[in-house]
Amino acid sequence: MMLQASKVRQLCPNYFSSGNIQMMMTSASKDVQVSVTPASCLHDESVQIRAEGLAPNQDVTLYCSMKDTRNVHYLSIAHYKADDSGQVDVNTMESLGGSYASLFPMGLIGTLHPAPSEYKFTRFFKRDVVNPNILELSVYDGHLTEEEVCAPECQKPLASTQHERHYMGPGVQRIPVRYGKVRGTLFLPAGEGPFPGVVDMFGTAGGLLEYRSAQLASRGIASLALAFFAYDDLPKSLEEFNISYFEEAVEFLLKHEKILKPNVGAVGVSKGGDLVLSLATHIPEVKAGVWINGCNANVQSAFNLRDSVFPGLEFDLGKVKIEDGVMDCFETVNNPADYPETIIPIEKADANFLFLVGNADRNWKSVMYCDQAIERLKKAGRNNYEVHNYPGTGHLIEPPHSPFCGSSYHKLVRMPLLWGGKPQPHLMAQRHAWNTMLSFLRRCIR
């Protein structure tokens, strides 16, 4: 007999300490199975999630969980009703509630969020890209809440399985970089090459983030994950930038035997976005720039060129709004049009640009910044750009199936920051943006 939902709940399912993929039947009915196909894949790949052997039209809860390198617990749930044959196919059936309610094949993975016992404004960062994320997926009888699934008295799952999501494909190399003043990590695709190369940058979170570079290399693009502050012996804060640091990073890439000569690209999100524009404008070898929810001006910190200095576009902190303990900075950055000395002269760049814009970005006015950048290119008679606007999409456009994060704690402001967006459109945008970026980089780096 199937176990029926009751008020008696057992402990949350345990995590797996091994990377071995295995099926575990923890059901009173050994015929119930939950499966993920493929059981192991790259993180940017979609999967099929199914439950079988259920009673016809049985109400069930699918549960997904994982832990990050800090041991923070993330979870998602979705409510389904089995069909007449006792099956649930997440690829073809709508969720009736839980973390999402719609037809959303990758919803269980894309809506992973901190468990009720965790700090709710924790953002998932993949720090250890060598080892995969290990997810546990379970099926429970009845439609349960997150609190019920996680309660010590929770019923046992009818069935459970593991799923591995890898950031580094077979043969990808991870190489720590200390080259002159440059600090980062180089990821090389499998094979002899040569491969198109990019400099990969993030924003004011600082430190060194490798997960996008690892995935780029898994798709045939060599990527230098570049730190520019708050890492190793680099400056601890965003005081100023020097073009020489980024020139040295490009030099390092082009000296490597496996990098395609004579040009490279640059990828950046948030503050990394305006750095991409600066690199493409002032470093001749940078021929492709991917701008992800950045600014068209040099934000916050002075940017020192060889014979001049670009001042930083400043903030008006009086325009900060705080609601439910979350900071909304949408109105705080000054309009670049009012401070033309901070605007990056991208019309002078001998490069192609890809602008990926979240129309629901609440970190700042990415749509306006992109419009101003395109207007500048048009006035100069340039057509070296491609723009993709994504409705319902927030600031943090990550590689596909990265968990959606609408707000999270930011160490620079020392409180939660609003990023914006809605889970389903945002996660759909991430997939389109990723494929668009890969195509753009392969086409424009020669």
Protein backbone atom coordinates (compact mmCIF):
# COMPACT_ATOMS: atom_id res chain seq x y z
CA MET A 1 0.00 0.00 0.00
CA MET A 2 1.04 3.60 -0.61
CA LEU A 3 1.85 5.68 2.45
CA GLN A 4 -0.86 8.31 2.90
CA ALA A 5 -0.13 11.93 3.84
CA SER A 6 -0.56 12.60 7.51
CA LYS A 7 0.45 15.04 10.17
CA VAL A 8 3.28 12.74 11.12
CA ARG A 9 6.40 13.81 9.25
CA GLN A 10 9.93 12.45 9.29
CA LEU A 11 13.29 14.18 8.99
CA CYS A 12 14.22 15.91 5.75
CA PRO A 13 16.04 13.57 3.40
CA ASN A 14 19.74 13.32 4.08
CA TYR A 15 22.36 14.59 1.68
CA PHE A 16 24.73 12.31 -0.14
CA SER A 17 28.42 12.41 0.62
CA SER A 18 29.39 10.52 -2.51
CA GLY A 19 29.26 11.55 -6.14
CA ASN A 20 28.00 8.12 -7.14
CA ILE A 21 24.70 8.20 -9.00
CA GLN A 22 22.30 5.68 -7.47
CA MET A 23 18.58 5.04 -7.13
CA MET A 24 17.27 4.60 -3.62
CA MET A 25 13.83 3.17 -2.98
CA THR A 26 12.55 4.41 0.37
CA SER A 27 8.93 3.56 -0.19
CA ALA A 28 6.44 1.13 1.30
CA SER A 29 5.80 0.30 -2.36
CA LYS A 30 9.03 -0.73 -4.06
CA ASP A 31 7.39 -0.04 -7.43
CA VAL A 32 7.53 3.76 -6.99
CA GLN A 33 10.51 5.35 -8.75
CA VAL A 34 11.73 8.89 -9.36
CA SER A 35 14.27 9.46 -12.10
CA VAL A 36 16.36 12.24 -13.63
CA THR A 37 17.57 11.76 -17.20
CA PRO A 38 20.46 12.10 -17.72
CA ALA A 39 21.56 11.29 -14.19
CA SER A 40 24.73 13.34 -14.69
CA CYS A 41 25.23 16.27 -17.06
CA LEU A 42 26.75 19.71 -17.54
CA HIS A 43 25.06 22.46 -15.57
CA ASP A 44 23.73 24.24 -18.66
CA GLU A 45 21.86 21.12 -19.84
CA SER A 46 18.17 20.39 -19.35
CA VAL A 47 16.93 17.11 -17.85
CA GLN A 48 13.74 15.07 -17.71
CA ILE A 49 12.28 14.42 -14.25
CA ARG A 50 9.70 11.63 -13.86
CA ALA A 51 7.94 9.73 -11.10
CA GLU A 52 6.39 6.33 -11.87
CA GLY A 53 4.56 3.55 -10.06
CA LEU A 54 2.19 5.91 -8.26
CA ALA A 55 -1.54 5.35 -7.79
CA PRO A 56 -3.71 6.77 -10.59
CA ASN A 57 -4.39 10.49 -9.98
CA GLN A 58 -2.37 10.43 -6.77
CA ASP A 59 -1.41 13.84 -5.33
CA VAL A 60 2.36 14.03 -4.78
CA THR A 61 5.07 16.52 -3.90
CA LEU A 62 8.35 16.51 -5.78
CA TYR A 63 11.20 17.77 -3.63
CA CYS A 64 14.66 18.91 -4.77
CA SER A 65 17.53 19.82 -2.46
CA MET A 66 21.26 20.46 -2.39
CA LYS A 67 23.94 22.05 -0.20
CA ASP A 68 26.62 24.51 -1.25
CA THR A 69 30.26 24.56 -0.13
CA ARG A 70 29.22 26.59 2.96
CA ASN A 71 26.77 23.80 3.89
CA VAL A 72 23.79 26.06 3.21
CA HIS A 73 20.68 24.01 2.41
CA TYR A 74 18.68 24.93 -0.72
CA LEU A 75 15.38 23.36 -1.69
CA SER A 76 12.35 23.57 -3.96
CA ILE A 77 9.03 21.73 -4.08
CA ALA A 78 6.32 21.25 -6.69
CA HIS A 79 2.84 19.72 -6.40
CA TYR A 80 1.60 17.33 -9.07
CA LYS A 81 -1.28 14.95 -9.69
CA ALA A 82 -0.30 11.66 -11.31
CA ASP A 83 -2.01 10.71 -14.55
CA ASP A 84 -4.29 7.70 -15.02
CA SER A 85 -1.27 5.41 -15.32
CA GLY A 86 0.33 6.66 -12.09
CA GLN A 87 3.04 8.76 -13.73
CA VAL A 88 4.28 12.33 -13.32
CA ASP A 89 6.36 13.82 -16.15
CA VAL A 90 7.64 17.28 -15.22
CA ASN A 91 8.42 18.00 -18.88
CA THR A 92 4.77 17.73 -19.94
CA MET A 93 2.68 18.32 -16.80
CA GLU A 94 1.93 21.53 -14.92
CA SER A 95 2.84 22.00 -11.30
CA LEU A 96 -0.23 22.78 -9.22
CA GLY A 97 1.70 24.72 -6.58
CA GLY A 98 4.79 24.87 -4.41
CA SER A 99 7.86 26.82 -5.57
CA TYR A 100 6.15 27.39 -8.93
CA ALA A 101 2.77 26.67 -10.52
CA SER A 102 2.94 26.14 -14.28
CA LEU A 103 4.51 23.97 -16.97
CA PHE A 104 8.15 24.53 -16.08
CA PRO A 105 10.39 21.52 -16.95
CA MET A 106 13.48 22.88 -15.15
CA GLY A 107 11.53 24.60 -12.40
CA LEU A 108 12.65 22.29 -9.58
CA ILE A 109 16.29 23.12 -10.27
CA GLY A 110 15.85 26.77 -11.25
CA THR A 111 13.77 27.69 -8.19
CA LEU A 112 16.11 26.21 -5.58
CA HIS A 113 16.27 28.69 -2.71
CA PRO A 114 17.41 28.76 0.92
CA ALA A 115 15.49 26.35 3.13
CA PRO A 116 13.21 27.78 5.84
CA SER A 117 15.96 27.19 8.40
CA GLU A 118 18.50 29.27 6.43
CA TYR A 119 18.99 33.02 6.01
CA LYS A 120 16.54 33.77 3.20
CA PHE A 121 18.73 36.35 1.46
CA THR A 122 21.55 33.89 0.76
CA ARG A 123 22.62 33.78 -2.90
CA PHE A 124 23.89 30.52 -4.33
CA PHE A 125 27.51 30.85 -5.48
CA LYS A 126 29.30 27.86 -6.94
CA ARG A 127 32.76 28.23 -5.43
CA ASP A 128 34.09 24.72 -6.04
CA VAL A 129 33.72 24.22 -9.79
CA VAL A 130 35.83 21.06 -9.88
CA ASN A 131 33.16 19.04 -8.10
CA PRO A 132 29.54 18.89 -9.30
CA ASN A 133 26.43 20.03 -7.52
CA ILE A 134 24.78 16.93 -6.07
CA LEU A 135 21.01 17.21 -5.99
CA GLU A 136 18.60 14.91 -4.24
CA LEU A 137 15.14 14.54 -5.75
CA SER A 138 12.34 12.81 -3.86
CA VAL A 139 8.64 12.16 -4.27
CA TYR A 140 6.25 12.39 -1.29
CA ASP A 141 2.63 11.37 -0.95
CA GLY A 142 0.25 14.34 -0.82
CA HIS A 143 0.75 18.06 -1.35
CA LEU A 144 3.17 19.18 1.35
CA THR A 145 4.60 22.55 2.29
CA GLU A 146 8.34 23.21 2.63
CA GLU A 147 7.93 23.31 6.39
CA GLU A 148 6.16 19.94 6.39
CA VAL A 149 8.82 18.28 4.25
CA CYS A 150 11.55 19.62 6.51
CA ALA A 151 9.83 18.85 9.81
CA PRO A 152 11.43 16.17 12.01
CA GLU A 153 8.19 14.15 11.92
CA CYS A 154 7.92 14.15 8.12
CA GLN A 155 6.91 10.93 6.39
CA LYS A 156 9.56 9.06 4.45
CA PRO A 157 9.69 9.80 0.72
CA LEU A 158 8.12 7.25 -1.59
CA ALA A 159 11.34 7.23 -3.62
CA SER A 160 14.53 9.27 -4.03
CA THR A 161 17.40 9.61 -6.46
CA GLN A 162 20.53 11.70 -6.99
CA HIS A 163 21.46 13.97 -9.86
CA GLU A 164 24.87 15.49 -10.63
CA ARG A 165 25.36 18.82 -12.43
CA HIS A 166 28.93 19.52 -13.56
CA TYR A 167 30.52 22.89 -14.27
CA MET A 168 33.63 21.44 -15.91
CA GLY A 169 33.22 19.04 -18.82
CA PRO A 170 35.58 16.12 -19.40
CA GLY A 171 39.10 17.30 -20.17
CA VAL A 172 38.57 20.95 -19.16
CA GLN A 173 41.65 22.34 -17.40
CA ARG A 174 41.59 24.73 -14.43
CA ILE A 175 44.81 26.74 -14.09
CA PRO A 176 45.37 29.30 -11.28
CA VAL A 177 46.90 32.49 -12.68
CA ARG A 178 49.51 34.78 -11.14
CA TYR A 179 50.94 36.70 -14.07
CA GLY A 180 52.52 40.01 -13.16
CA LYS A 181 49.77 41.79 -11.27
CA VAL A 182 47.02 39.63 -12.80
CA ARG A 183 45.11 37.30 -10.48
CA GLY A 184 42.54 34.81 -11.67
CA THR A 185 41.93 31.34 -13.05
CA LEU A 186 42.23 30.19 -16.65
CA PHE A 187 39.87 27.50 -17.92
CA LEU A 188 40.89 25.69 -21.09
CA PRO A 189 38.59 23.45 -23.16
CA ALA A 190 39.51 19.85 -23.82
CA GLY A 191 41.68 19.31 -26.88
CA GLU A 192 44.64 20.93 -28.55
CA GLY A 193 43.01 24.18 -29.65
CA PRO A 194 43.57 26.94 -30.43
CA PHE A 195 40.39 28.23 -28.77
CA PRO A 196 38.74 31.63 -28.76
CA GLY A 197 39.62 33.35 -25.49
CA VAL A 198 37.74 35.75 -23.22
CA VAL A 199 38.28 37.77 -20.07
CA ASP A 200 35.38 37.04 -17.68
CA MET A 201 34.41 39.60 -15.01
CA PHE A 202 31.71 40.03 -12.38
CA GLY A 203 30.69 43.06 -10.33
CA THR A 204 31.01 44.58 -6.90
CA ALA A 205 30.80 41.24 -5.09
CA GLY A 206 34.58 41.17 -5.56
CA GLY A 207 36.78 38.15 -5.12
CA LEU A 208 37.12 35.48 -7.78
CA LEU A 209 34.10 33.77 -9.30
CA GLU A 210 34.90 30.87 -11.63
CA TYR A 211 31.58 29.21 -12.45
CA ARG A 212 30.85 31.05 -15.70
CA SER A 213 34.40 30.58 -17.02
CA ALA A 214 34.28 26.87 -16.22
CA GLN A 215 31.08 26.54 -18.22
CA LEU A 216 32.42 28.62 -21.12
CA ALA A 217 35.41 26.29 -21.35
CA SER A 218 33.06 23.32 -21.31
CA ARG A 219 31.54 24.80 -24.47
CA GLY A 220 34.83 25.37 -26.27
CA ILE A 221 35.74 28.91 -25.21
CA ALA A 222 38.88 29.47 -23.15
CA SER A 223 38.05 31.84 -20.31
CA LEU A 224 40.13 33.80 -17.82
CA ALA A 225 38.07 34.35 -14.68
CA LEU A 226 39.58 37.68 -13.66
CA ALA A 227 39.57 39.11 -10.15
CA PHE A 228 40.00 42.88 -9.86
CA PHE A 229 39.56 43.57 -6.16
CA ALA A 230 39.11 41.84 -2.79
CA TYR A 231 41.17 38.82 -3.80
CA ASP A 232 44.70 37.68 -2.92
CA ASP A 233 47.01 40.74 -2.98
CA LEU A 234 44.67 42.91 -5.07
CA PRO A 235 43.15 46.09 -3.57
CA LYS A 236 40.57 45.37 -0.89
CA SER A 237 38.08 47.92 -2.20
CA LEU A 238 36.96 49.54 -5.45
CA GLU A 239 39.14 52.64 -5.26
CA GLU A 240 40.35 52.93 -8.84
CA PHE A 241 41.12 50.91 -11.96
CA ASN A 242 44.14 50.96 -14.24
CA ILE A 243 43.92 49.99 -17.90
CA SER A 244 47.37 48.40 -17.52
CA TYR A 245 45.92 45.63 -15.32
CA PHE A 246 43.45 44.59 -18.00
CA GLU A 247 46.05 44.97 -20.76
CA GLU A 248 48.22 42.54 -18.82
CA ALA A 249 45.31 40.09 -18.58
CA VAL A 250 44.80 40.25 -22.36
CA GLU A 251 48.55 39.83 -22.86
CA PHE A 252 48.51 36.70 -20.71
CA LEU A 253 45.70 35.17 -22.74
CA LEU A 254 47.31 35.89 -26.11
CA LYS A 255 50.67 34.50 -25.00
CA HIS A 256 49.10 31.13 -24.22
CA GLU A 257 49.71 28.52 -26.90
CA LYS A 258 46.10 27.29 -26.83
CA ILE A 259 44.48 30.70 -27.34
CA LEU A 260 43.36 31.71 -30.83
CA LYS A 261 45.31 34.74 -32.10
CA PRO A 262 45.31 37.68 -32.50
CA ASN A 263 42.13 38.78 -30.68
CA VAL A 264 40.06 38.02 -27.58
CA GLY A 265 36.67 38.88 -26.12
CA ALA A 266 35.39 40.14 -22.76
CA VAL A 267 32.31 39.17 -20.75
CA GLY A 268 30.97 41.10 -17.77
CA VAL A 269 27.87 41.53 -15.63
CA SER A 270 26.94 44.59 -13.54
CA LYS A 271 30.15 46.59 -12.86
CA GLY A 272 31.87 44.03 -15.07
CA GLY A 273 29.63 45.29 -17.89
CA ASP A 274 31.10 48.77 -18.01
CA LEU A 275 34.56 47.24 -17.68
CA VAL A 276 33.80 45.24 -20.84
CA LEU A 277 32.98 48.48 -22.68
CA SER A 278 36.21 50.07 -21.44
CA LEU A 279 38.33 47.09 -22.50
CA ALA A 280 36.76 46.96 -25.96
CA THR A 281 37.25 50.71 -26.38
CA HIS A 282 40.81 51.03 -25.10
CA ILE A 283 42.48 47.66 -25.78
CA PRO A 284 42.70 46.99 -29.56
CA GLU A 285 42.92 43.19 -29.17
CA VAL A 286 39.47 43.02 -27.52
CA LYS A 287 37.15 42.51 -30.49
CA ALA A 288 34.00 41.16 -28.81
CA GLY A 289 32.27 42.53 -25.74
CA VAL A 290 29.35 40.88 -23.90
CA TRP A 291 27.61 43.43 -21.65
CA ILE A 292 25.16 41.91 -19.14
CA ASN A 293 23.04 44.45 -17.25
CA GLY A 294 25.90 46.91 -16.99
CA CYS A 295 26.19 50.67 -17.37
CA ASN A 296 27.31 52.77 -20.35
CA ALA A 297 29.44 54.94 -18.04
CA ASN A 298 32.38 54.21 -15.79
CA VAL A 299 30.60 53.59 -12.46
CA GLN A 300 31.85 54.42 -8.99
CA SER A 301 35.65 54.29 -9.35
CA ALA A 302 38.09 56.27 -11.47
CA PHE A 303 39.47 54.45 -14.50
CA ASN A 304 43.07 55.40 -15.28
CA LEU A 305 44.09 55.26 -18.92
CA ARG A 306 47.62 55.76 -20.15
CA ASP A 307 47.30 59.56 -20.47
CA SER A 308 43.94 60.45 -18.91
CA VAL A 309 41.46 59.50 -16.21
CA PHE A 310 37.76 58.67 -16.53
CA PRO A 311 35.96 59.80 -13.38
CA GLY A 312 33.45 57.48 -11.78
CA LEU A 313 29.69 57.99 -12.10
CA GLU A 314 28.43 58.56 -8.58
CA PHE A 315 25.39 57.54 -6.55
CA ASP A 316 22.72 59.61 -4.82
CA LEU A 317 22.18 57.59 -1.65
CA GLY A 318 19.26 59.81 -0.74
CA LYS A 319 17.25 57.95 -3.38
CA VAL A 320 17.70 54.55 -1.76
CA LYS A 321 14.44 52.85 -0.82
CA ILE A 322 14.18 50.13 1.80
CA GLU A 323 11.17 47.83 1.95
CA ASP A 324 10.87 44.74 4.13
CA GLY A 325 14.55 45.05 4.96
CA VAL A 326 15.66 44.99 1.30
CA MET A 327 17.50 47.89 -0.36
CA ASP A 328 16.15 49.09 -3.72
CA CYS A 329 18.90 51.04 -5.53
CA PHE A 330 17.07 51.48 -8.84
CA GLU A 331 17.04 55.29 -8.67
CA THR A 332 20.37 55.84 -6.93
CA VAL A 333 22.90 55.93 -9.78
CA ASN A 334 23.17 59.32 -11.43
CA ASN A 335 22.06 59.58 -15.06
CA PRO A 336 25.14 59.24 -17.29
CA ALA A 337 23.64 61.80 -19.69
CA ASP A 338 24.07 64.41 -16.95
CA TYR A 339 27.73 63.47 -16.48
CA PRO A 340 29.07 62.98 -20.03
CA GLU A 341 32.67 62.90 -18.79
CA THR A 342 31.94 59.47 -17.28
CA ILE A 343 30.47 57.93 -20.46
CA ILE A 344 32.65 55.34 -22.21
CA PRO A 345 33.22 56.36 -25.88
CA ILE A 346 32.33 52.98 -27.32
CA GLU A 347 31.79 54.48 -30.77
CA LYS A 348 35.62 54.51 -31.02
CA ALA A 349 35.90 50.77 -30.39
CA ASP A 350 36.95 48.42 -33.17
CA ALA A 351 34.83 45.68 -31.64
CA ASN A 352 31.40 44.07 -31.74
CA PHE A 353 29.03 44.33 -28.80
CA LEU A 354 26.32 42.07 -27.43
CA PHE A 355 23.93 43.72 -24.94
CA LEU A 356 21.88 41.36 -22.74
CA VAL A 357 19.29 43.37 -20.84
CA GLY A 358 16.94 42.38 -18.02
CA ASN A 359 13.87 44.60 -18.36
CA ALA A 360 12.97 44.02 -14.70
CA ASP A 361 16.45 44.80 -13.35
CA ARG A 362 16.06 46.63 -10.02
CA ASN A 363 19.76 47.02 -9.26
CA TRP A 364 19.92 49.96 -11.63
CA LYS A 365 18.55 51.21 -14.96
CA SER A 366 20.10 48.72 -17.35
CA VAL A 367 17.47 49.39 -20.02
CA MET A 368 18.25 53.13 -20.02
CA TYR A 369 22.00 52.54 -20.05
CA CYS A 370 21.71 50.17 -22.99
CA ASP A 371 19.50 52.64 -24.87
CA GLN A 372 22.04 55.41 -24.32
CA ALA A 373 24.90 53.17 -25.50
CA ILE A 374 23.03 52.19 -28.67
CA GLU A 375 22.08 55.80 -29.38
CA ARG A 376 25.75 56.74 -29.19
CA LEU A 377 26.69 53.97 -31.64
CA LYS A 378 23.90 54.94 -34.03
CA LYS A 379 24.94 58.60 -34.05
CA ALA A 380 28.43 57.49 -35.04
CA GLY A 381 27.01 55.39 -37.88
CA ARG A 382 28.03 52.13 -36.23
CA ASN A 383 26.09 48.88 -36.59
CA ASN A 384 28.49 46.72 -34.59
CA TYR A 385 26.01 45.70 -31.92
CA GLU A 386 23.29 43.21 -31.05
CA VAL A 387 20.68 43.77 -28.33
CA HIS A 388 18.41 41.29 -26.52
CA ASN A 389 15.83 42.58 -24.05
CA TYR A 390 14.27 40.07 -21.66
CA PRO A 391 10.89 40.88 -20.02
CA GLY A 392 10.48 39.81 -16.40
CA THR A 393 14.23 39.35 -16.07
CA GLY A 394 16.28 40.80 -13.21
CA HIS A 395 19.88 41.85 -12.75
CA LEU A 396 21.62 38.52 -12.22
CA ILE A 397 21.52 36.87 -15.66
CA GLU A 398 23.57 33.73 -15.02
CA PRO A 399 24.33 30.60 -17.08
CA PRO A 400 21.29 28.33 -17.69
CA HIS A 401 19.47 26.70 -14.78
CA SER A 402 21.36 28.71 -12.16
CA PRO A 403 18.91 29.21 -9.28
CA PHE A 404 16.89 32.41 -9.56
CA CYS A 405 17.80 35.08 -7.00
CA GLY A 406 15.53 38.11 -6.72
CA SER A 407 17.37 39.64 -3.75
CA SER A 408 20.37 38.74 -1.62
CA TYR A 409 22.78 40.06 0.96
CA HIS A 410 25.50 42.26 -0.55
CA LYS A 411 28.64 42.70 1.50
CA LEU A 412 29.39 46.13 -0.01
CA VAL A 413 26.16 47.66 1.36
CA ARG A 414 25.91 45.19 4.27
CA MET A 415 22.27 44.40 3.75
CA PRO A 416 20.02 42.61 1.23
CA LEU A 417 19.87 44.19 -2.24
CA LEU A 418 16.96 43.92 -4.67
CA TRP A 419 17.92 42.38 -8.02
CA GLY A 420 14.46 42.09 -9.57
CA GLY A 421 12.85 39.65 -11.97
CA LYS A 422 10.38 36.76 -11.75
CA PRO A 423 11.57 33.14 -11.64
CA GLN A 424 10.15 31.64 -14.83
CA PRO A 425 10.84 34.47 -17.32
CA HIS A 426 14.22 35.08 -15.74
CA LEU A 427 15.25 31.43 -16.00
CA MET A 428 14.04 31.24 -19.60
CA ALA A 429 16.06 34.38 -20.39
CA GLN A 430 19.20 32.83 -18.90
CA ARG A 431 19.02 29.95 -21.34
CA HIS A 432 18.47 32.18 -24.38
CA ALA A 433 21.15 34.65 -23.28
CA TRP A 434 23.70 31.85 -22.80
CA ASN A 435 23.18 30.35 -26.23
CA THR A 436 23.22 33.82 -27.79
CA MET A 437 26.49 34.66 -26.04
CA LEU A 438 28.19 31.44 -27.11
CA SER A 439 27.21 32.03 -30.73
CA PHE A 440 28.35 35.67 -30.59
CA LEU A 441 31.76 34.86 -29.12
CA ARG A 442 32.44 32.06 -31.59
CA ARG A 443 31.50 34.33 -34.45
CA CYS A 444 33.33 37.49 -33.40
CA ILE A 445 36.63 36.23 -31.97
CA ARG A 446 38.91 35.41 -34.87
